Amino acid sequence: ALRRFKRTCRKAGVLAEARKHEHYEKPSVRRKKKSEAARKRKYR
């Protein structure tokens, strides 16, 4: 089960990467998004 989970995560990650690189965003914006995502993860 864990392996399947990892595989789906990798696929989702790849898709997210492709989407992220469609339009470049400034590093500051990216950092903000990352911290927000981390906060969401932490307090779920």
C-alpha atoms as a PDB file:
ATOM      1  CA  ALA A   1       0.000   0.000   0.000  1.00  0.00           C
ATOM      2  CA  LEU A   2       2.814   2.364   0.913  1.00  0.00           C
ATOM      3  CA  ARG A   3       4.506   1.785  -2.425  1.00  0.00           C
ATOM      4  CA  ARG A   4       1.316   2.621  -4.306  1.00  0.00           C
ATOM      5  CA  PHE A   5       0.910   5.737  -2.175  1.00  0.00           C
ATOM      6  CA  LYS A   6       4.460   6.821  -2.988  1.00  0.00           C
ATOM      7  CA  ARG A   7       3.894   6.215  -6.687  1.00  0.00           C
ATOM      8  CA  THR A   8       0.721   8.320  -6.751  1.00  0.00           C
ATOM      9  CA  CYS A   9       2.536  10.998  -4.783  1.00  0.00           C
ATOM     10  CA  ARG A  10       5.339  11.016  -7.320  1.00  0.00           C
ATOM     11  CA  LYS A  11       2.856  11.288 -10.194  1.00  0.00           C
ATOM     12  CA  ALA A  12       1.039  14.123  -8.473  1.00  0.00           C
ATOM     13  CA  GLY A  13       4.380  15.755  -7.710  1.00  0.00           C
ATOM     14  CA  VAL A  14       5.438  15.524 -11.346  1.00  0.00           C
ATOM     15  CA  LEU A  15       2.175  17.075 -12.485  1.00  0.00           C
ATOM     16  CA  ALA A  16       2.505  19.815  -9.895  1.00  0.00           C
ATOM     17  CA  GLU A  17       6.072  20.516 -11.047  1.00  0.00           C
ATOM     18  CA  ALA A  18       4.967  20.807 -14.670  1.00  0.00           C
ATOM     19  CA  ARG A  19       2.163  23.150 -13.670  1.00  0.00           C
ATOM     20  CA  LYS A  20       4.535  25.167 -11.504  1.00  0.00           C
ATOM     21  CA  HIS A  21       6.974  25.669 -14.379  1.00  0.00           C
ATOM     22  CA  GLU A  22       4.288  26.815 -16.820  1.00  0.00           C
ATOM     23  CA  HIS A  23       4.703  30.361 -15.528  1.00  0.00           C
ATOM     24  CA  TYR A  24       7.721  31.378 -13.491  1.00  0.00           C
ATOM     25  CA  GLU A  25       7.034  32.946 -10.120  1.00  0.00           C
ATOM     26  CA  LYS A  26       9.445  34.999  -8.085  1.00  0.00           C
ATOM     27  CA  PRO A  27      11.364  33.117  -5.365  1.00  0.00           C
ATOM     28  CA  SER A  28       9.717  35.227  -2.665  1.00  0.00           C
ATOM     29  CA  VAL A  29       6.264  34.264  -3.930  1.00  0.00           C
ATOM     30  CA  ARG A  30       7.291  30.632  -4.098  1.00  0.00           C
ATOM     31  CA  ARG A  31       8.644  30.753  -0.542  1.00  0.00           C
ATOM     32  CA  LYS A  32       5.394  32.292   0.691  1.00  0.00           C
ATOM     33  CA  LYS A  33       3.333  29.587  -1.003  1.00  0.00           C
ATOM     34  CA  LYS A  34       5.581  26.908   0.421  1.00  0.00           C
ATOM     35  CA  SER A  35       5.295  28.223   3.972  1.00  0.00           C
ATOM     36  CA  GLU A  36       1.508  28.521   3.618  1.00  0.00           C
ATOM     37  CA  ALA A  37       1.286  24.937   2.388  1.00  0.00           C
ATOM     38  CA  ALA A  38       3.453  23.803   5.292  1.00  0.00           C
ATOM     39  CA  ARG A  39       1.228  25.668   7.731  1.00  0.00           C
ATOM     40  CA  LYS A  40      -1.873  24.028   6.239  1.00  0.00           C
ATOM     41  CA  ARG A  41      -0.231  20.622   6.528  1.00  0.00           C
ATOM     42  CA  LYS A  42       0.806  21.255  10.124  1.00  0.00           C
ATOM     43  CA  TYR A  43      -2.611  22.371  11.365  1.00  0.00           C
ATOM     44  CA  ARG A  44      -4.827  19.869   9.562  1.00  0.00           C
END
